[in-house]
């Protein structure tokens, strides 16, 4: 899986969220924006 996070606010106790983008196939080219 390709995953991404957002984090910010207080740099020592930031607001963190994580999300799944999609499925990766090793050996294939993928593109992400």
ModelCIF file with pLDDT and N, C-alpha, C, O atoms, coordinates in Angstrom:
data_MODEL
#
_entry.id   MODEL 
#
_entity.id                         1 
_entity.type                       polymer 
_entity.pdbx_number_of_molecules   1 
#
_entity_poly.entity_id                      1 
_entity_poly.type                           'polypeptide(L)' 
_entity_poly.nstd_linkage                   no 
_entity_poly.nstd_monomer                   no 
_entity_poly.pdbx_seq_one_letter_code       
;(UNK)(UNK)(UNK)(UNK)(UNK)(UNK)(UNK)(UNK)(UNK)(UNK)(UNK)(UNK)(UNK)(UNK)(UNK)(UNK)
(UNK)(UNK)(UNK)(UNK)(UNK)(UNK)(UNK)(UNK)(UNK)(UNK)(UNK)(UNK)(UNK)(UNK)(UNK)(UNK)
(UNK)
;
_entity_poly.pdbx_seq_one_letter_code_can   XXXXXXXXXXXXXXXXXXXXXXXXXXXXXXXXX 
_entity_poly.pdbx_strand_id                 A 
#
loop_
_entity_poly_seq.entity_id 
_entity_poly_seq.num 
_entity_poly_seq.mon_id 
_entity_poly_seq.hetero 
1 1  UNK n 
1 2  UNK n 
1 3  UNK n 
1 4  UNK n 
1 5  UNK n 
1 6  UNK n 
1 7  UNK n 
1 8  UNK n 
1 9  UNK n 
1 10 UNK n 
1 11 UNK n 
1 12 UNK n 
1 13 UNK n 
1 14 UNK n 
1 15 UNK n 
1 16 UNK n 
1 17 UNK n 
1 18 UNK n 
1 19 UNK n 
1 20 UNK n 
1 21 UNK n 
1 22 UNK n 
1 23 UNK n 
1 24 UNK n 
1 25 UNK n 
1 26 UNK n 
1 27 UNK n 
1 28 UNK n 
1 29 UNK n 
1 30 UNK n 
1 31 UNK n 
1 32 UNK n 
1 33 UNK n 
#
_struct_asym.id          A 
_struct_asym.entity_id   1 
#
loop_
_ma_qa_metric.id 
_ma_qa_metric.mode 
_ma_qa_metric.name 
_ma_qa_metric.software_group_id 
_ma_qa_metric.type 
1 global pLDDT . pLDDT 
2 local  pLDDT . pLDDT 
#
_ma_qa_metric_global.metric_id      1 
_ma_qa_metric_global.metric_value   97.18 
_ma_qa_metric_global.model_id       1 
_ma_qa_metric_global.ordinal_id     1 
#
loop_
_ma_qa_metric_local.label_asym_id 
_ma_qa_metric_local.label_comp_id 
_ma_qa_metric_local.label_seq_id 
_ma_qa_metric_local.metric_id 
_ma_qa_metric_local.metric_value 
_ma_qa_metric_local.model_id 
_ma_qa_metric_local.ordinal_id 
A UNK 1  2 98.00 1 1  
A UNK 2  2 99.00 1 2  
A UNK 3  2 98.00 1 3  
A UNK 4  2 99.00 1 4  
A UNK 5  2 98.00 1 5  
A UNK 6  2 98.00 1 6  
A UNK 7  2 98.00 1 7  
A UNK 8  2 97.00 1 8  
A UNK 9  2 97.00 1 9  
A UNK 10 2 94.00 1 10 
A UNK 11 2 90.00 1 11 
A UNK 12 2 92.00 1 12 
A UNK 13 2 93.00 1 13 
A UNK 14 2 95.00 1 14 
A UNK 15 2 97.00 1 15 
A UNK 16 2 98.00 1 16 
A UNK 17 2 98.00 1 17 
A UNK 18 2 98.00 1 18 
A UNK 19 2 98.00 1 19 
A UNK 20 2 98.00 1 20 
A UNK 21 2 98.00 1 21 
A UNK 22 2 98.00 1 22 
A UNK 23 2 98.00 1 23 
A UNK 24 2 98.00 1 24 
A UNK 25 2 98.00 1 25 
A UNK 26 2 98.00 1 26 
A UNK 27 2 98.00 1 27 
A UNK 28 2 98.00 1 28 
A UNK 29 2 98.00 1 29 
A UNK 30 2 98.00 1 30 
A UNK 31 2 98.00 1 31 
A UNK 32 2 98.00 1 32 
A UNK 33 2 98.00 1 33 
#
loop_
_atom_site.group_PDB 
_atom_site.id 
_atom_site.type_symbol 
_atom_site.label_atom_id 
_atom_site.label_alt_id 
_atom_site.label_comp_id 
_atom_site.label_asym_id 
_atom_site.label_entity_id 
_atom_site.label_seq_id 
_atom_site.pdbx_PDB_ins_code 
_atom_site.Cartn_x 
_atom_site.Cartn_y 
_atom_site.Cartn_z 
_atom_site.occupancy 
_atom_site.B_iso_or_equiv 
_atom_site.pdbx_formal_charge 
_atom_site.auth_seq_id 
_atom_site.auth_comp_id 
_atom_site.auth_asym_id 
_atom_site.auth_atom_id 
_atom_site.pdbx_PDB_model_num 
ATOM 1   N N  . UNK A 1 1  ? 0.821  -1.205 0.000   1.00 98.00 ? 1  UNK A N  1 
ATOM 2   C CA . UNK A 1 1  ? 0.000  0.000  0.000   1.00 98.00 ? 1  UNK A CA 1 
ATOM 3   C C  . UNK A 1 1  ? 0.859  1.260  0.000   1.00 98.00 ? 1  UNK A C  1 
ATOM 4   O O  . UNK A 1 1  ? 1.902  1.322  0.650   1.00 98.00 ? 1  UNK A O  1 
ATOM 5   N N  . UNK A 1 2  ? 0.392  2.267  -0.749  1.00 99.00 ? 2  UNK A N  1 
ATOM 6   C CA . UNK A 1 2  ? 0.987  3.597  -0.691  1.00 99.00 ? 2  UNK A CA 1 
ATOM 7   C C  . UNK A 1 2  ? 0.166  4.413  0.297   1.00 99.00 ? 2  UNK A C  1 
ATOM 8   O O  . UNK A 1 2  ? -1.053 4.522  0.164   1.00 99.00 ? 2  UNK A O  1 
ATOM 9   N N  . UNK A 1 3  ? 0.853  4.996  1.306   1.00 98.00 ? 3  UNK A N  1 
ATOM 10  C CA . UNK A 1 3  ? 0.165  5.727  2.360   1.00 98.00 ? 3  UNK A CA 1 
ATOM 11  C C  . UNK A 1 3  ? 0.764  7.126  2.499   1.00 98.00 ? 3  UNK A C  1 
ATOM 12  O O  . UNK A 1 3  ? 1.878  7.387  2.043   1.00 98.00 ? 3  UNK A O  1 
ATOM 13  N N  . UNK A 1 4  ? 0.006  8.019  3.136   1.00 99.00 ? 4  UNK A N  1 
ATOM 14  C CA . UNK A 1 4  ? 0.432  9.405  3.303   1.00 99.00 ? 4  UNK A CA 1 
ATOM 15  C C  . UNK A 1 4  ? -0.059 9.910  4.655   1.00 99.00 ? 4  UNK A C  1 
ATOM 16  O O  . UNK A 1 4  ? -1.075 9.445  5.171   1.00 99.00 ? 4  UNK A O  1 
ATOM 17  N N  . UNK A 1 5  ? 0.665  10.857 5.215   1.00 98.00 ? 5  UNK A N  1 
ATOM 18  C CA . UNK A 1 5  ? 0.227  11.468 6.464   1.00 98.00 ? 5  UNK A CA 1 
ATOM 19  C C  . UNK A 1 5  ? 0.147  12.972 6.301   1.00 98.00 ? 5  UNK A C  1 
ATOM 20  O O  . UNK A 1 5  ? 0.821  13.560 5.455   1.00 98.00 ? 5  UNK A O  1 
ATOM 21  N N  . UNK A 1 6  ? -0.690 13.585 7.126   1.00 98.00 ? 6  UNK A N  1 
ATOM 22  C CA . UNK A 1 6  ? -0.664 15.029 7.343   1.00 98.00 ? 6  UNK A CA 1 
ATOM 23  C C  . UNK A 1 6  ? -0.274 15.246 8.793   1.00 98.00 ? 6  UNK A C  1 
ATOM 24  O O  . UNK A 1 6  ? -0.731 14.524 9.680   1.00 98.00 ? 6  UNK A O  1 
ATOM 25  N N  . UNK A 1 7  ? 0.576  16.248 9.039   1.00 98.00 ? 7  UNK A N  1 
ATOM 26  C CA . UNK A 1 7  ? 0.974  16.541 10.407  1.00 98.00 ? 7  UNK A CA 1 
ATOM 27  C C  . UNK A 1 7  ? 1.327  18.011 10.515  1.00 98.00 ? 7  UNK A C  1 
ATOM 28  O O  . UNK A 1 7  ? 1.928  18.576 9.603   1.00 98.00 ? 7  UNK A O  1 
ATOM 29  N N  . UNK A 1 8  ? 0.953  18.641 11.639  1.00 97.00 ? 8  UNK A N  1 
ATOM 30  C CA . UNK A 1 8  ? 1.273  20.048 11.815  1.00 97.00 ? 8  UNK A CA 1 
ATOM 31  C C  . UNK A 1 8  ? 0.696  20.593 13.108  1.00 97.00 ? 8  UNK A C  1 
ATOM 32  O O  . UNK A 1 8  ? 0.305  19.855 14.012  1.00 97.00 ? 8  UNK A O  1 
ATOM 33  N N  . UNK A 1 9  ? 0.660  21.931 13.158  1.00 97.00 ? 9  UNK A N  1 
ATOM 34  C CA . UNK A 1 9  ? 0.247  22.614 14.376  1.00 97.00 ? 9  UNK A CA 1 
ATOM 35  C C  . UNK A 1 9  ? 1.431  22.771 15.297  1.00 97.00 ? 9  UNK A C  1 
ATOM 36  O O  . UNK A 1 9  ? 2.429  23.389 14.927  1.00 97.00 ? 9  UNK A O  1 
ATOM 37  N N  . UNK A 1 10 ? 1.336  22.222 16.489  1.00 94.00 ? 10 UNK A N  1 
ATOM 38  C CA . UNK A 1 10 ? 2.434  22.217 17.450  1.00 94.00 ? 10 UNK A CA 1 
ATOM 39  C C  . UNK A 1 10 ? 3.496  21.231 16.984  1.00 94.00 ? 10 UNK A C  1 
ATOM 40  O O  . UNK A 1 10 ? 3.213  20.040 16.853  1.00 94.00 ? 10 UNK A O  1 
ATOM 41  N N  . UNK A 1 11 ? 4.720  21.708 16.730  1.00 90.00 ? 11 UNK A N  1 
ATOM 42  C CA . UNK A 1 11 ? 5.733  20.833 16.141  1.00 90.00 ? 11 UNK A CA 1 
ATOM 43  C C  . UNK A 1 11 ? 6.210  19.742 17.088  1.00 90.00 ? 11 UNK A C  1 
ATOM 44  O O  . UNK A 1 11 ? 6.782  18.749 16.638  1.00 90.00 ? 11 UNK A O  1 
ATOM 45  N N  . UNK A 1 12 ? 5.991  19.900 18.378  1.00 92.00 ? 12 UNK A N  1 
ATOM 46  C CA . UNK A 1 12 ? 6.407  18.878 19.347  1.00 92.00 ? 12 UNK A CA 1 
ATOM 47  C C  . UNK A 1 12 ? 5.254  17.971 19.782  1.00 92.00 ? 12 UNK A C  1 
ATOM 48  O O  . UNK A 1 12 ? 5.479  16.952 20.435  1.00 92.00 ? 12 UNK A O  1 
ATOM 49  N N  . UNK A 1 13 ? 4.051  18.328 19.433  1.00 93.00 ? 13 UNK A N  1 
ATOM 50  C CA . UNK A 1 13 ? 2.872  17.518 19.749  1.00 93.00 ? 13 UNK A CA 1 
ATOM 51  C C  . UNK A 1 13 ? 1.844  17.757 18.651  1.00 93.00 ? 13 UNK A C  1 
ATOM 52  O O  . UNK A 1 13 ? 0.726  18.204 18.909  1.00 93.00 ? 13 UNK A O  1 
ATOM 53  N N  . UNK A 1 14 ? 2.249  17.448 17.415  1.00 95.00 ? 14 UNK A N  1 
ATOM 54  C CA . UNK A 1 14 ? 1.454  17.821 16.256  1.00 95.00 ? 14 UNK A CA 1 
ATOM 55  C C  . UNK A 1 14 ? 0.207  16.979 16.065  1.00 95.00 ? 14 UNK A C  1 
ATOM 56  O O  . UNK A 1 14 ? 0.087  15.873 16.592  1.00 95.00 ? 14 UNK A O  1 
ATOM 57  N N  . UNK A 1 15 ? -0.718 17.533 15.295  1.00 97.00 ? 15 UNK A N  1 
ATOM 58  C CA . UNK A 1 15 ? -1.921 16.812 14.890  1.00 97.00 ? 15 UNK A CA 1 
ATOM 59  C C  . UNK A 1 15 ? -1.564 15.905 13.725  1.00 97.00 ? 15 UNK A C  1 
ATOM 60  O O  . UNK A 1 15 ? -1.127 16.382 12.678  1.00 97.00 ? 15 UNK A O  1 
ATOM 61  N N  . UNK A 1 16 ? -1.744 14.617 13.895  1.00 98.00 ? 16 UNK A N  1 
ATOM 62  C CA . UNK A 1 16 ? -1.315 13.614 12.920  1.00 98.00 ? 16 UNK A CA 1 
ATOM 63  C C  . UNK A 1 16 ? -2.510 12.821 12.406  1.00 98.00 ? 16 UNK A C  1 
ATOM 64  O O  . UNK A 1 16 ? -3.332 12.335 13.183  1.00 98.00 ? 16 UNK A O  1 
ATOM 65  N N  . UNK A 1 17 ? -2.591 12.700 11.079  1.00 98.00 ? 17 UNK A N  1 
ATOM 66  C CA . UNK A 1 17 ? -3.574 11.823 10.453  1.00 98.00 ? 17 UNK A CA 1 
ATOM 67  C C  . UNK A 1 17 ? -2.889 11.037 9.338   1.00 98.00 ? 17 UNK A C  1 
ATOM 68  O O  . UNK A 1 17 ? -1.996 11.544 8.660   1.00 98.00 ? 17 UNK A O  1 
ATOM 69  N N  . UNK A 1 18 ? -3.326 9.789  9.162   1.00 98.00 ? 18 UNK A N  1 
ATOM 70  C CA . UNK A 1 18 ? -2.737 8.924  8.141   1.00 98.00 ? 18 UNK A CA 1 
ATOM 71  C C  . UNK A 1 18 ? -3.831 8.409  7.215   1.00 98.00 ? 18 UNK A C  1 
ATOM 72  O O  . UNK A 1 18 ? -4.957 8.158  7.642   1.00 98.00 ? 18 UNK A O  1 
ATOM 73  N N  . UNK A 1 19 ? -3.479 8.254  5.926   1.00 98.00 ? 19 UNK A N  1 
ATOM 74  C CA . UNK A 1 19 ? -4.444 7.852  4.917   1.00 98.00 ? 19 UNK A CA 1 
ATOM 75  C C  . UNK A 1 19 ? -3.801 6.846  3.956   1.00 98.00 ? 19 UNK A C  1 
ATOM 76  O O  . UNK A 1 19 ? -2.589 6.854  3.741   1.00 98.00 ? 19 UNK A O  1 
ATOM 77  N N  . UNK A 1 20 ? -4.638 5.992  3.391   1.00 98.00 ? 20 UNK A N  1 
ATOM 78  C CA . UNK A 1 20 ? -4.192 5.052  2.365   1.00 98.00 ? 20 UNK A CA 1 
ATOM 79  C C  . UNK A 1 20 ? -4.550 5.601  0.989   1.00 98.00 ? 20 UNK A C  1 
ATOM 80  O O  . UNK A 1 20 ? -5.672 6.051  0.757   1.00 98.00 ? 20 UNK A O  1 
ATOM 81  N N  . UNK A 1 21 ? -3.568 5.558  0.071   1.00 98.00 ? 21 UNK A N  1 
ATOM 82  C CA . UNK A 1 21 ? -3.761 6.081  -1.283  1.00 98.00 ? 21 UNK A CA 1 
ATOM 83  C C  . UNK A 1 21 ? -4.170 4.986  -2.251  1.00 98.00 ? 21 UNK A C  1 
ATOM 84  O O  . UNK A 1 21 ? -5.148 5.141  -2.982  1.00 98.00 ? 21 UNK A O  1 
ATOM 85  N N  . UNK A 1 22 ? -3.428 3.871  -2.267  1.00 98.00 ? 22 UNK A N  1 
ATOM 86  C CA . UNK A 1 22 ? -3.746 2.811  -3.217  1.00 98.00 ? 22 UNK A CA 1 
ATOM 87  C C  . UNK A 1 22 ? -2.756 1.670  -3.154  1.00 98.00 ? 22 UNK A C  1 
ATOM 88  O O  . UNK A 1 22 ? -1.824 1.677  -2.350  1.00 98.00 ? 22 UNK A O  1 
ATOM 89  N N  . UNK A 1 23 ? -2.973 0.678  -4.024  1.00 98.00 ? 23 UNK A N  1 
ATOM 90  C CA . UNK A 1 23 ? -2.169 -0.540 -4.047  1.00 98.00 ? 23 UNK A CA 1 
ATOM 91  C C  . UNK A 1 23 ? -1.034 -0.419 -5.054  1.00 98.00 ? 23 UNK A C  1 
ATOM 92  O O  . UNK A 1 23 ? -1.229 0.024  -6.186  1.00 98.00 ? 23 UNK A O  1 
ATOM 93  N N  . UNK A 1 24 ? 0.162  -0.823 -4.617  1.00 98.00 ? 24 UNK A N  1 
ATOM 94  C CA . UNK A 1 24 ? 1.364  -0.764 -5.435  1.00 98.00 ? 24 UNK A CA 1 
ATOM 95  C C  . UNK A 1 24 ? 1.699  -2.168 -5.932  1.00 98.00 ? 24 UNK A C  1 
ATOM 96  O O  . UNK A 1 24 ? 1.555  -3.143 -5.195  1.00 98.00 ? 24 UNK A O  1 
ATOM 97  N N  . UNK A 1 25 ? 2.142  -2.265 -7.175  1.00 98.00 ? 25 UNK A N  1 
ATOM 98  C CA . UNK A 1 25 ? 2.630  -3.530 -7.720  1.00 98.00 ? 25 UNK A CA 1 
ATOM 99  C C  . UNK A 1 25 ? 4.124  -3.396 -7.977  1.00 98.00 ? 25 UNK A C  1 
ATOM 100 O O  . UNK A 1 25 ? 4.522  -2.671 -8.889  1.00 98.00 ? 25 UNK A O  1 
ATOM 101 N N  . UNK A 1 26 ? 4.967  -4.082 -7.194  1.00 98.00 ? 26 UNK A N  1 
ATOM 102 C CA . UNK A 1 26 ? 6.415  -4.008 -7.430  1.00 98.00 ? 26 UNK A CA 1 
ATOM 103 C C  . UNK A 1 26 ? 6.753  -4.381 -8.867  1.00 98.00 ? 26 UNK A C  1 
ATOM 104 O O  . UNK A 1 26 ? 6.186  -5.313 -9.438  1.00 98.00 ? 26 UNK A O  1 
ATOM 105 N N  . UNK A 1 27 ? 7.694  -3.625 -9.438  1.00 98.00 ? 27 UNK A N  1 
ATOM 106 C CA . UNK A 1 27 ? 8.086  -3.828 -10.827 1.00 98.00 ? 27 UNK A CA 1 
ATOM 107 C C  . UNK A 1 27 ? 7.332  -2.966 -11.807 1.00 98.00 ? 27 UNK A C  1 
ATOM 108 O O  . UNK A 1 27 ? 7.780  -2.790 -12.940 1.00 98.00 ? 27 UNK A O  1 
ATOM 109 N N  . UNK A 1 28 ? 6.180  -2.414 -11.397 1.00 98.00 ? 28 UNK A N  1 
ATOM 110 C CA . UNK A 1 28 ? 5.405  -1.516 -12.249 1.00 98.00 ? 28 UNK A CA 1 
ATOM 111 C C  . UNK A 1 28 ? 5.736  -0.061 -11.916 1.00 98.00 ? 28 UNK A C  1 
ATOM 112 O O  . UNK A 1 28 ? 6.033  0.266  -10.767 1.00 98.00 ? 28 UNK A O  1 
ATOM 113 N N  . UNK A 1 29 ? 5.684  0.799  -12.915 1.00 98.00 ? 29 UNK A N  1 
ATOM 114 C CA . UNK A 1 29 ? 5.771  2.231  -12.665 1.00 98.00 ? 29 UNK A CA 1 
ATOM 115 C C  . UNK A 1 29 ? 4.415  2.748  -12.211 1.00 98.00 ? 29 UNK A C  1 
ATOM 116 O O  . UNK A 1 29 ? 3.385  2.417  -12.797 1.00 98.00 ? 29 UNK A O  1 
ATOM 117 N N  . UNK A 1 30 ? 4.424  3.562  -11.160 1.00 98.00 ? 30 UNK A N  1 
ATOM 118 C CA . UNK A 1 30 ? 3.229  4.248  -10.680 1.00 98.00 ? 30 UNK A CA 1 
ATOM 119 C C  . UNK A 1 30 ? 3.491  5.750  -10.682 1.00 98.00 ? 30 UNK A C  1 
ATOM 120 O O  . UNK A 1 30 ? 4.638  6.194  -10.624 1.00 98.00 ? 30 UNK A O  1 
ATOM 121 N N  . UNK A 1 31 ? 2.429  6.510  -10.749 1.00 98.00 ? 31 UNK A N  1 
ATOM 122 C CA . UNK A 1 31 ? 2.581  7.964  -10.670 1.00 98.00 ? 31 UNK A CA 1 
ATOM 123 C C  . UNK A 1 31 ? 1.613  8.511  -9.626  1.00 98.00 ? 31 UNK A C  1 
ATOM 124 O O  . UNK A 1 31 ? 0.499  8.013  -9.464  1.00 98.00 ? 31 UNK A O  1 
ATOM 125 N N  . UNK A 1 32 ? 2.069  9.553  -8.920  1.00 98.00 ? 32 UNK A N  1 
ATOM 126 C CA . UNK A 1 32 ? 1.276  10.122 -7.831  1.00 98.00 ? 32 UNK A CA 1 
ATOM 127 C C  . UNK A 1 32 ? 1.393  11.633 -7.872  1.00 98.00 ? 32 UNK A C  1 
ATOM 128 O O  . UNK A 1 32 ? 2.467  12.172 -8.141  1.00 98.00 ? 32 UNK A O  1 
ATOM 129 N N  . UNK A 1 33 ? 0.291  12.317 -7.606  1.00 98.00 ? 33 UNK A N  1 
ATOM 130 C CA . UNK A 1 33 ? 0.262  13.780 -7.529  1.00 98.00 ? 33 UNK A CA 1 
ATOM 131 C C  . UNK A 1 33 ? -0.461 14.168 -6.242  1.00 98.00 ? 33 UNK A C  1 
ATOM 132 O O  . UNK A 1 33 ? -0.612 15.355 -5.952  1.00 98.00 ? 33 UNK A O  1 
#
